[in-house]
Each structure stands twice: as C-alpha cells, then as structure tokens.
Amino acid sequence: MVRLGVIGGTGLVELAVADQLGAFGLSVTRSDHVRVDTPYGPVPLHVVSLENEGAVHEVVFLQRHHDASGHGRPPHKINHRANMKAMADANLDLVVAVCSVGTLHPEFPPGAVGLAKQYIDFTGVPSTFHDDASTFTSATVPFSPVHNTVLEQVLRKVQNLPDETTLNFTYWLTAGPQFETAAEVDAIERMGGDMVGMTMPREAKLALELSLPYVAVCISSNWAAGRQPGDATKALDHQEVSAQANDRLTPVMACLAALLTEEKMMPSTE
C-alpha cells in the first residue's frame, strides 16, 4: 500500500478523485472528510482509498487554505504548523505539494508543469516547530531527490518534452498577499529565482524538521509581474491565475497516478 499526501492550493483547489484519477485506472473504494486536531489547531483532510489491479492505496488531501474554493485563508495567515503536523501524523510515504506559481524562466512558460529543486526565502519569517530550543535542520537538499527524479520522467513523457528542456527550478518565496512589483521580479531573477509564490517553502521547511519526504509540483500559471510578452504593465489577477493553474492538472494527475499505481515509482528514501 502507498500512502500519499497531497497538498493543494490555488493550483489544486480540491481532489475530485473519480474524475481526476479515474482516467489512470484508479477507482475510489472509500472517501471521507475528517477533521484532525493537532497541538497547533484543527486541520480538515479528505482521505480517499483507491484500488488499482487489486492493490489498495490511500491519498490524504489537504487544502492548505482550508477552503474548497482555494481563496480562503490568505497566504500570510495559513497555519502551516498545524497542516504539516496533520500530514506527518497520517503516516505518509511522501507528500506532494501542488503549487501555482508566476514564472520568470523562458523554458517554463504559462501552462507548463515543473518541479521545485531549490527554494529561496528572504522574507525573514521563521517556519519551525522549534520555538523554545535551538534546533538546526539541514536544508541543503530541501526536496526528495529520488522522488523528483521519478516525477521528472513522468512530466517529460506526459508533456512530450525533450531531455534538454529544463524541468527543475528554484522557487522564490514572497510574503504576499500582494503580488510582486516588476522591479522585485527583476531583482529576484538576478538572485537566482525562476518562479515566485507565497506559500510552499514554509511547508518544505517543516517537512524537513519532521523528516517527511516532500516534493513540489509547480504549475506555471502566469508570467511574473512585468514579464507578460507585449504588455509589461499587465496587472495580475488572482482569479485569472487560479483558473489557468486548474486548467493544467493533467500532468499533475499523471504524477500522482504514477506514484500510486507503479511500485517502482515510489522508491525507498532509506
């Protein structure tokens, strides 16, 4: 049995399992909505049992904004500690975060789906379970490299991408809830950012502290501020960004299905 955690946001507002994973040969045998109480607060989870060729697997879905619309709790108010503690307590093999991002990279245009390989967080806002004692966690390799290698193969195949196309990017965390200025995006690019978003690295840090394997599948939903071809002054709109992200879920579902249905796709991290 594979126990897979999935975290969605504006890039995956809900897990419509029958429609989204049924096309990959997975059928729902049980579906429950539960509330998990953690020391940091309550967390709503959608727990689904899935069958494929006689094998039963489980998906534990978390909407990081705690709202089925994806527009609920704003990014700076998300209770990441409660969210990640609930996921850790679910005894998962891997957590896959699905993220909607603004893109700066020419090989990652809107509509493409890629992976986070590194993150940069200069927000100055700590994300940790260790408030009372000095505990230092290595973040040299923040995402599970063995699972990223597997997912890269899936994304290349489903998107018909050649081997030379870049699929691994650096996520730049912004504080939000405002989008970035064009000048900020220029600076982000000079300092190594390929894509921008407001949430995911906070989860990744907590996953590292919990020794919970974690990867981030990123949907390029829009050009970052000032980068829209032909219109550098185009304003960013949250509803438009969300709609674009949720139109590009097929590669994401292919990743989840591969992890669930093929044992070789869920390699051991030991």
C-alpha atoms as a PDB file:
ATOM      1  CA  MET A   1       0.000   0.000   0.000  1.00  0.00           C
ATOM      2  CA  VAL A   2       1.135   3.520  -0.857  1.00  0.00           C
ATOM      3  CA  ARG A   3       0.032   6.321   1.456  1.00  0.00           C
ATOM      4  CA  LEU A   4       0.388   9.556  -0.470  1.00  0.00           C
ATOM      5  CA  GLY A   5      -0.180  13.023   0.927  1.00  0.00           C
ATOM      6  CA  VAL A   6      -1.281  15.740  -1.484  1.00  0.00           C
ATOM      7  CA  ILE A   7      -1.383  19.434  -0.618  1.00  0.00           C
ATOM      8  CA  GLY A   8      -3.317  21.734  -2.926  1.00  0.00           C
ATOM      9  CA  GLY A   9      -3.806  25.474  -3.047  1.00  0.00           C
ATOM     10  CA  THR A  10      -4.874  27.725  -5.883  1.00  0.00           C
ATOM     11  CA  GLY A  11      -3.241  25.152  -8.173  1.00  0.00           C
ATOM     12  CA  LEU A  12      -5.444  22.296  -6.933  1.00  0.00           C
ATOM     13  CA  VAL A  13      -8.463  23.536  -5.033  1.00  0.00           C
ATOM     14  CA  GLU A  14      -9.971  20.094  -4.404  1.00  0.00           C
ATOM     15  CA  LEU A  15      -9.340  16.458  -5.208  1.00  0.00           C
ATOM     16  CA  ALA A  16     -12.157  15.278  -7.490  1.00  0.00           C
ATOM     17  CA  VAL A  17     -10.810  11.754  -7.386  1.00  0.00           C
ATOM     18  CA  ALA A  18     -13.230   9.936  -9.669  1.00  0.00           C
ATOM     19  CA  ASP A  19     -12.745  12.453 -12.475  1.00  0.00           C
ATOM     20  CA  GLN A  20      -9.069  13.275 -11.996  1.00  0.00           C
ATOM     21  CA  LEU A  21      -7.574   9.872 -11.180  1.00  0.00           C
ATOM     22  CA  GLY A  22     -10.177   7.571 -12.715  1.00  0.00           C
ATOM     23  CA  ALA A  23      -8.658   8.104 -16.136  1.00  0.00           C
ATOM     24  CA  PHE A  24      -5.473   6.455 -14.866  1.00  0.00           C
ATOM     25  CA  GLY A  25      -7.193   3.226 -13.769  1.00  0.00           C
ATOM     26  CA  LEU A  26      -7.767   4.175 -10.138  1.00  0.00           C
ATOM     27  CA  SER A  27     -11.215   3.637  -8.629  1.00  0.00           C
ATOM     28  CA  VAL A  28     -12.500   5.034  -5.355  1.00  0.00           C
ATOM     29  CA  THR A  29     -13.444   2.485  -2.696  1.00  0.00           C
ATOM     30  CA  ARG A  30     -13.890   4.925   0.172  1.00  0.00           C
ATOM     31  CA  SER A  31     -13.928   8.699   0.650  1.00  0.00           C
ATOM     32  CA  ASP A  32     -14.097  10.502   3.988  1.00  0.00           C
ATOM     33  CA  HIS A  33     -13.810  14.108   5.087  1.00  0.00           C
ATOM     34  CA  VAL A  34     -12.312  14.318   8.565  1.00  0.00           C
ATOM     35  CA  ARG A  35     -11.078  16.979  10.938  1.00  0.00           C
ATOM     36  CA  VAL A  36      -7.769  16.280  12.654  1.00  0.00           C
ATOM     37  CA  ASP A  37      -6.900  18.090  15.852  1.00  0.00           C
ATOM     38  CA  THR A  38      -3.229  18.994  16.287  1.00  0.00           C
ATOM     39  CA  PRO A  39      -1.397  20.938  19.020  1.00  0.00           C
ATOM     40  CA  TYR A  40      -1.388  23.886  16.592  1.00  0.00           C
ATOM     41  CA  GLY A  41      -5.038  23.809  15.575  1.00  0.00           C
ATOM     42  CA  PRO A  42      -7.591  21.755  13.612  1.00  0.00           C
ATOM     43  CA  VAL A  43      -6.991  20.626  10.041  1.00  0.00           C
ATOM     44  CA  PRO A  44      -9.619  19.381   7.537  1.00  0.00           C
ATOM     45  CA  LEU A  45      -8.470  16.408   5.458  1.00  0.00           C
ATOM     46  CA  HIS A  46     -10.001  14.421   2.611  1.00  0.00           C
ATOM     47  CA  VAL A  47      -8.969  10.768   2.956  1.00  0.00           C
ATOM     48  CA  VAL A  48      -9.542   8.551  -0.071  1.00  0.00           C
ATOM     49  CA  SER A  49      -8.933   4.827  -0.576  1.00  0.00           C
ATOM     50  CA  LEU A  50      -8.178   3.852  -4.165  1.00  0.00           C
ATOM     51  CA  GLU A  51      -7.976   0.480  -5.870  1.00  0.00           C
ATOM     52  CA  ASN A  52      -5.838  -0.442  -8.853  1.00  0.00           C
ATOM     53  CA  GLU A  53      -5.448  -4.022 -10.110  1.00  0.00           C
ATOM     54  CA  GLY A  54      -6.301  -5.455  -6.708  1.00  0.00           C
ATOM     55  CA  ALA A  55      -3.991  -3.157  -4.742  1.00  0.00           C
ATOM     56  CA  VAL A  56      -5.476  -0.567  -2.387  1.00  0.00           C
ATOM     57  CA  HIS A  57      -3.736   2.742  -1.751  1.00  0.00           C
ATOM     58  CA  GLU A  58      -4.616   5.876   0.176  1.00  0.00           C
ATOM     59  CA  VAL A  59      -4.458   9.574  -0.613  1.00  0.00           C
ATOM     60  CA  VAL A  60      -4.678  12.162   2.145  1.00  0.00           C
ATOM     61  CA  PHE A  61      -5.598  15.511   0.612  1.00  0.00           C
ATOM     62  CA  LEU A  62      -5.104  18.832   2.361  1.00  0.00           C
ATOM     63  CA  GLN A  63      -6.315  22.185   1.029  1.00  0.00           C
ATOM     64  CA  ARG A  64      -3.677  24.463   2.523  1.00  0.00           C
ATOM     65  CA  HIS A  65      -6.112  27.402   2.582  1.00  0.00           C
ATOM     66  CA  HIS A  66      -8.758  25.238   4.333  1.00  0.00           C
ATOM     67  CA  ASP A  67     -11.316  26.287   1.752  1.00  0.00           C
ATOM     68  CA  ALA A  68     -12.712  24.354  -1.207  1.00  0.00           C
ATOM     69  CA  SER A  69     -12.555  27.465  -3.410  1.00  0.00           C
ATOM     70  CA  GLY A  70      -8.812  27.865  -2.957  1.00  0.00           C
ATOM     71  CA  HIS A  71      -9.417  31.507  -1.998  1.00  0.00           C
ATOM     72  CA  GLY A  72      -9.977  31.086   1.735  1.00  0.00           C
ATOM     73  CA  ARG A  73      -7.284  31.749   4.310  1.00  0.00           C
ATOM     74  CA  PRO A  74      -4.767  34.244   2.829  1.00  0.00           C
ATOM     75  CA  PRO A  75      -1.168  33.070   2.400  1.00  0.00           C
ATOM     76  CA  HIS A  76       0.236  35.029   5.344  1.00  0.00           C
ATOM     77  CA  LYS A  77      -2.414  33.520   7.651  1.00  0.00           C
ATOM     78  CA  ILE A  78      -2.019  29.840   6.722  1.00  0.00           C
ATOM     79  CA  ASN A  79      -1.406  27.622   9.742  1.00  0.00           C
ATOM     80  CA  HIS A  80       1.485  25.687   8.243  1.00  0.00           C
ATOM     81  CA  ARG A  81       2.472  24.039  11.517  1.00  0.00           C
ATOM     82  CA  ALA A  82      -0.982  22.537  12.002  1.00  0.00           C
ATOM     83  CA  ASN A  83      -1.128  21.477   8.349  1.00  0.00           C
ATOM     84  CA  MET A  84       2.229  19.728   8.333  1.00  0.00           C
ATOM     85  CA  LYS A  85       1.754  18.105  11.746  1.00  0.00           C
ATOM     86  CA  ALA A  86      -1.522  16.619  10.494  1.00  0.00           C
ATOM     87  CA  MET A  87       0.218  15.277   7.401  1.00  0.00           C
ATOM     88  CA  ALA A  88       3.076  13.828   9.435  1.00  0.00           C
ATOM     89  CA  ASP A  89       0.648  12.100  11.799  1.00  0.00           C
ATOM     90  CA  ALA A  90      -1.051  10.432   8.818  1.00  0.00           C
ATOM     91  CA  ASN A  91       1.956   8.095   8.396  1.00  0.00           C
ATOM     92  CA  LEU A  92       2.586   9.061   4.773  1.00  0.00           C
ATOM     93  CA  ASP A  93       5.258   7.753   2.416  1.00  0.00           C
ATOM     94  CA  LEU A  94       5.530  11.077   0.608  1.00  0.00           C
ATOM     95  CA  VAL A  95       3.879  14.492   0.451  1.00  0.00           C
ATOM     96  CA  VAL A  96       3.326  16.054  -2.969  1.00  0.00           C
ATOM     97  CA  ALA A  97       2.595  19.782  -2.872  1.00  0.00           C
ATOM     98  CA  VAL A  98       0.815  21.232  -5.894  1.00  0.00           C
ATOM     99  CA  CYS A  99       1.633  24.906  -6.386  1.00  0.00           C
ATOM    100  CA  SER A 100       0.564  27.680  -8.699  1.00  0.00           C
ATOM    101  CA  VAL A 101       3.497  29.963  -9.491  1.00  0.00           C
ATOM    102  CA  GLY A 102       4.418  33.003 -11.524  1.00  0.00           C
ATOM    103  CA  THR A 103       7.245  32.296 -13.935  1.00  0.00           C
ATOM    104  CA  LEU A 104      10.424  34.128 -14.889  1.00  0.00           C
ATOM    105  CA  HIS A 105      12.102  31.285 -16.776  1.00  0.00           C
ATOM    106  CA  PRO A 106      11.859  31.155 -20.595  1.00  0.00           C
ATOM    107  CA  GLU A 107      11.653  27.326 -20.540  1.00  0.00           C
ATOM    108  CA  PHE A 108       8.769  27.422 -18.058  1.00  0.00           C
ATOM    109  CA  PRO A 109       6.013  29.400 -19.828  1.00  0.00           C
ATOM    110  CA  PRO A 110       2.436  29.619 -18.518  1.00  0.00           C
ATOM    111  CA  GLY A 111       0.758  26.240 -18.887  1.00  0.00           C
ATOM    112  CA  ALA A 112       3.904  24.216 -18.219  1.00  0.00           C
ATOM    113  CA  VAL A 113       4.320  21.972 -15.180  1.00  0.00           C
ATOM    114  CA  GLY A 114       7.692  21.559 -13.497  1.00  0.00           C
ATOM    115  CA  LEU A 115       9.378  20.728 -10.209  1.00  0.00           C
ATOM    116  CA  ALA A 116      10.960  22.691  -7.396  1.00  0.00           C
ATOM    117  CA  LYS A 117      14.599  21.734  -6.874  1.00  0.00           C
ATOM    118  CA  GLN A 118      15.560  24.570  -4.516  1.00  0.00           C
ATOM    119  CA  TYR A 119      13.872  27.485  -2.769  1.00  0.00           C
ATOM    120  CA  ILE A 120      14.972  30.954  -1.665  1.00  0.00           C
ATOM    121  CA  ASP A 121      13.267  32.555   1.320  1.00  0.00           C
ATOM    122  CA  PHE A 122      14.374  36.070   2.219  1.00  0.00           C
ATOM    123  CA  THR A 123      11.054  37.001   3.849  1.00  0.00           C
ATOM    124  CA  GLY A 124      12.539  36.886   7.331  1.00  0.00           C
ATOM    125  CA  VAL A 125       9.533  34.979   8.681  1.00  0.00           C
ATOM    126  CA  PRO A 126      10.532  31.770  10.526  1.00  0.00           C
ATOM    127  CA  SER A 127       8.776  28.495   9.793  1.00  0.00           C
ATOM    128  CA  THR A 128       9.653  25.973  12.501  1.00  0.00           C
ATOM    129  CA  PHE A 129       8.360  23.707  15.234  1.00  0.00           C
ATOM    130  CA  HIS A 130      11.308  24.672  17.443  1.00  0.00           C
ATOM    131  CA  ASP A 131      10.470  27.919  19.219  1.00  0.00           C
ATOM    132  CA  ASP A 132      11.845  27.004  22.634  1.00  0.00           C
ATOM    133  CA  ALA A 133      15.148  25.246  21.942  1.00  0.00           C
ATOM    134  CA  SER A 134      17.914  25.714  19.410  1.00  0.00           C
ATOM    135  CA  THR A 135      17.399  23.029  16.792  1.00  0.00           C
ATOM    136  CA  PHE A 136      19.046  23.386  13.397  1.00  0.00           C
ATOM    137  CA  THR A 137      17.868  21.362  10.401  1.00  0.00           C
ATOM    138  CA  SER A 138      19.847  20.925   7.196  1.00  0.00           C
ATOM    139  CA  ALA A 139      18.068  22.280   4.114  1.00  0.00           C
ATOM    140  CA  THR A 140      20.883  21.737   1.599  1.00  0.00           C
ATOM    141  CA  VAL A 141      18.619  19.427  -0.408  1.00  0.00           C
ATOM    142  CA  PRO A 142      15.098  20.590   0.512  1.00  0.00           C
ATOM    143  CA  PHE A 143      13.103  18.266  -1.753  1.00  0.00           C
ATOM    144  CA  SER A 144      13.300  14.482  -2.044  1.00  0.00           C
ATOM    145  CA  PRO A 145      15.753  13.979  -4.929  1.00  0.00           C
ATOM    146  CA  VAL A 146      14.833  10.346  -5.525  1.00  0.00           C
ATOM    147  CA  HIS A 147      11.146  11.211  -5.948  1.00  0.00           C
ATOM    148  CA  ASN A 148      11.934  14.311  -8.029  1.00  0.00           C
ATOM    149  CA  THR A 149      13.877  12.093 -10.438  1.00  0.00           C
ATOM    150  CA  VAL A 150      10.844   9.855 -10.830  1.00  0.00           C
ATOM    151  CA  LEU A 151       8.452  12.764 -11.328  1.00  0.00           C
ATOM    152  CA  GLU A 152      10.730  14.375 -13.881  1.00  0.00           C
ATOM    153  CA  GLN A 153      10.416  11.249 -16.030  1.00  0.00           C
ATOM    154  CA  VAL A 154       6.630  11.380 -15.779  1.00  0.00           C
ATOM    155  CA  LEU A 155       6.416  15.083 -16.623  1.00  0.00           C
ATOM    156  CA  ARG A 156       8.705  14.743 -19.630  1.00  0.00           C
ATOM    157  CA  LYS A 157       6.581  11.921 -21.003  1.00  0.00           C
ATOM    158  CA  VAL A 158       3.150  13.461 -20.424  1.00  0.00           C
ATOM    159  CA  GLN A 159       4.236  16.891 -21.737  1.00  0.00           C
ATOM    160  CA  ASN A 160       6.288  15.483 -24.652  1.00  0.00           C
ATOM    161  CA  LEU A 161       9.413  17.341 -23.564  1.00  0.00           C
ATOM    162  CA  PRO A 162      12.929  16.502 -24.764  1.00  0.00           C
ATOM    163  CA  ASP A 163      15.673  15.689 -22.272  1.00  0.00           C
ATOM    164  CA  GLU A 164      17.335  19.090 -22.670  1.00  0.00           C
ATOM    165  CA  THR A 165      14.261  21.062 -21.563  1.00  0.00           C
ATOM    166  CA  THR A 166      14.651  22.368 -18.010  1.00  0.00           C
ATOM    167  CA  LEU A 167      12.140  20.923 -15.556  1.00  0.00           C
ATOM    168  CA  ASN A 168      13.785  21.710 -12.201  1.00  0.00           C
ATOM    169  CA  PHE A 169      13.531  25.263 -10.915  1.00  0.00           C
ATOM    170  CA  THR A 170      14.207  27.492  -7.916  1.00  0.00           C
ATOM    171  CA  TYR A 171      11.125  28.781  -6.096  1.00  0.00           C
ATOM    172  CA  TRP A 172      11.375  32.299  -4.663  1.00  0.00           C
ATOM    173  CA  LEU A 173       9.099  32.835  -1.663  1.00  0.00           C
ATOM    174  CA  THR A 174       7.380  36.204  -1.352  1.00  0.00           C
ATOM    175  CA  ALA A 175       5.457  37.278   1.741  1.00  0.00           C
ATOM    176  CA  GLY A 176       2.198  38.215  -0.026  1.00  0.00           C
ATOM    177  CA  PRO A 177      -0.646  38.766  -0.155  1.00  0.00           C
ATOM    178  CA  GLN A 178       0.296  41.399  -2.742  1.00  0.00           C
ATOM    179  CA  PHE A 179       1.822  40.217  -5.987  1.00  0.00           C
ATOM    180  CA  GLU A 180       5.367  41.336  -6.731  1.00  0.00           C
ATOM    181  CA  THR A 181       6.369  44.586  -8.430  1.00  0.00           C
ATOM    182  CA  ALA A 182       8.168  44.454 -11.764  1.00  0.00           C
ATOM    183  CA  ALA A 183      11.326  45.746 -10.055  1.00  0.00           C
ATOM    184  CA  GLU A 184      11.143  42.993  -7.437  1.00  0.00           C
ATOM    185  CA  VAL A 185      10.850  40.376 -10.176  1.00  0.00           C
ATOM    186  CA  ASP A 186      13.936  41.790 -11.901  1.00  0.00           C
ATOM    187  CA  ALA A 187      15.851  41.527  -8.614  1.00  0.00           C
ATOM    188  CA  ILE A 188      14.541  38.002  -7.972  1.00  0.00           C
ATOM    189  CA  GLU A 189      15.841  36.866 -11.340  1.00  0.00           C
ATOM    190  CA  ARG A 190      19.279  38.358 -10.696  1.00  0.00           C
ATOM    191  CA  MET A 191      19.451  36.473  -7.387  1.00  0.00           C
ATOM    192  CA  GLY A 192      18.543  33.097  -8.881  1.00  0.00           C
ATOM    193  CA  GLY A 193      14.768  32.788  -8.719  1.00  0.00           C
ATOM    194  CA  ASP A 194      12.970  31.022 -11.573  1.00  0.00           C
ATOM    195  CA  MET A 195       9.417  31.193 -10.223  1.00  0.00           C
ATOM    196  CA  VAL A 196       7.581  33.073  -7.483  1.00  0.00           C
ATOM    197  CA  GLY A 197       4.915  32.074  -4.982  1.00  0.00           C
ATOM    198  CA  MET A 198       3.675  32.818  -1.476  1.00  0.00           C
ATOM    199  CA  THR A 199       3.464  29.517   0.434  1.00  0.00           C
ATOM    200  CA  MET A 200       5.323  26.341  -0.442  1.00  0.00           C
ATOM    201  CA  PRO A 201       8.810  26.761   1.149  1.00  0.00           C
ATOM    202  CA  ARG A 202       7.213  27.208   4.557  1.00  0.00           C
ATOM    203  CA  GLU A 203       5.806  23.683   4.194  1.00  0.00           C
ATOM    204  CA  ALA A 204       9.105  22.336   2.880  1.00  0.00           C
ATOM    205  CA  LYS A 205      10.984  23.618   5.938  1.00  0.00           C
ATOM    206  CA  LEU A 206       8.552  21.960   8.324  1.00  0.00           C
ATOM    207  CA  ALA A 207       8.660  18.723   6.330  1.00  0.00           C
ATOM    208  CA  LEU A 208      12.449  18.709   6.755  1.00  0.00           C
ATOM    209  CA  GLU A 209      12.066  19.109  10.511  1.00  0.00           C
ATOM    210  CA  LEU A 210       9.615  16.198  10.526  1.00  0.00           C
ATOM    211  CA  SER A 211      11.829  14.010   8.263  1.00  0.00           C
ATOM    212  CA  LEU A 212       8.826  13.771   5.949  1.00  0.00           C
ATOM    213  CA  PRO A 213       9.711  13.246   2.260  1.00  0.00           C
ATOM    214  CA  TYR A 214       8.311  16.201   0.319  1.00  0.00           C
ATOM    215  CA  VAL A 215       8.245  17.339  -3.310  1.00  0.00           C
ATOM    216  CA  ALA A 216       6.587  20.276  -5.050  1.00  0.00           C
ATOM    217  CA  VAL A 217       4.930  20.003  -8.466  1.00  0.00           C
ATOM    218  CA  CYS A 218       4.610  23.541  -9.796  1.00  0.00           C
ATOM    219  CA  ILE A 219       2.103  24.786 -12.348  1.00  0.00           C
ATOM    220  CA  SER A 220       3.245  27.864 -14.244  1.00  0.00           C
ATOM    221  CA  SER A 221       0.057  29.904 -14.180  1.00  0.00           C
ATOM    222  CA  ASN A 222       1.248  33.305 -15.423  1.00  0.00           C
ATOM    223  CA  TRP A 223       4.243  35.412 -16.329  1.00  0.00           C
ATOM    224  CA  ALA A 224       5.550  37.200 -13.250  1.00  0.00           C
ATOM    225  CA  ALA A 225       4.974  40.945 -12.889  1.00  0.00           C
ATOM    226  CA  GLY A 226       6.475  42.911 -15.760  1.00  0.00           C
ATOM    227  CA  ARG A 227       7.183  39.813 -17.866  1.00  0.00           C
ATOM    228  CA  GLN A 228       3.999  39.474 -19.922  1.00  0.00           C
ATOM    229  CA  PRO A 229       5.112  39.473 -23.587  1.00  0.00           C
ATOM    230  CA  GLY A 230       3.812  42.569 -25.335  1.00  0.00           C
ATOM    231  CA  ASP A 231       2.394  44.120 -22.150  1.00  0.00           C
ATOM    232  CA  ALA A 232       4.932  44.695 -19.368  1.00  0.00           C
ATOM    233  CA  THR A 233       2.375  46.691 -17.363  1.00  0.00           C
ATOM    234  CA  LYS A 234      -0.295  43.972 -17.263  1.00  0.00           C
ATOM    235  CA  ALA A 235      -1.893  43.686 -13.810  1.00  0.00           C
ATOM    236  CA  LEU A 236      -2.005  40.248 -12.179  1.00  0.00           C
ATOM    237  CA  ASP A 237      -5.423  38.910 -11.192  1.00  0.00           C
ATOM    238  CA  HIS A 238      -5.812  36.131  -8.624  1.00  0.00           C
ATOM    239  CA  GLN A 239      -8.926  34.607 -10.192  1.00  0.00           C
ATOM    240  CA  GLU A 240      -7.280  34.505 -13.612  1.00  0.00           C
ATOM    241  CA  VAL A 241      -4.126  32.962 -12.169  1.00  0.00           C
ATOM    242  CA  SER A 242      -6.125  30.270 -10.356  1.00  0.00           C
ATOM    243  CA  ALA A 243      -8.174  29.403 -13.417  1.00  0.00           C
ATOM    244  CA  GLN A 244      -5.045  28.927 -15.532  1.00  0.00           C
ATOM    245  CA  ALA A 245      -3.492  26.660 -12.895  1.00  0.00           C
ATOM    246  CA  ASN A 246      -6.559  24.447 -12.595  1.00  0.00           C
ATOM    247  CA  ASP A 247      -6.731  24.033 -16.364  1.00  0.00           C
ATOM    248  CA  ARG A 248      -3.317  22.306 -16.288  1.00  0.00           C
ATOM    249  CA  LEU A 249      -3.949  19.442 -13.897  1.00  0.00           C
ATOM    250  CA  THR A 250      -3.454  16.510 -16.287  1.00  0.00           C
ATOM    251  CA  PRO A 251       0.355  16.399 -15.830  1.00  0.00           C
ATOM    252  CA  VAL A 252      -0.160  16.711 -12.070  1.00  0.00           C
ATOM    253  CA  MET A 253      -2.615  13.813 -12.019  1.00  0.00           C
ATOM    254  CA  ALA A 254      -0.202  11.750 -14.115  1.00  0.00           C
ATOM    255  CA  CYS A 255       2.419  12.274 -11.412  1.00  0.00           C
ATOM    256  CA  LEU A 256       0.060  11.204  -8.632  1.00  0.00           C
ATOM    257  CA  ALA A 257      -1.198   8.195 -10.572  1.00  0.00           C
ATOM    258  CA  ALA A 258       2.326   7.013 -11.319  1.00  0.00           C
ATOM    259  CA  LEU A 259       3.280   7.235  -7.645  1.00  0.00           C
ATOM    260  CA  LEU A 260       0.165   5.293  -6.659  1.00  0.00           C
ATOM    261  CA  THR A 261      -0.006   2.585  -9.315  1.00  0.00           C
ATOM    262  CA  GLU A 262       3.594   1.630 -10.016  1.00  0.00           C
ATOM    263  CA  GLU A 263       5.693   0.321  -7.156  1.00  0.00           C
ATOM    264  CA  LYS A 264       8.901   1.371  -8.888  1.00  0.00           C
ATOM    265  CA  MET A 265       7.604   4.936  -8.891  1.00  0.00           C
ATOM    266  CA  MET A 266       7.654   5.038  -5.074  1.00  0.00           C
ATOM    267  CA  PRO A 267      11.306   4.328  -4.332  1.00  0.00           C
ATOM    268  CA  SER A 268      12.532   3.962  -0.786  1.00  0.00           C
ATOM    269  CA  THR A 269      14.235   7.014   0.724  1.00  0.00           C
ATOM    270  CA  GLU A 270      16.132   4.903   3.245  1.00  0.00           C
END
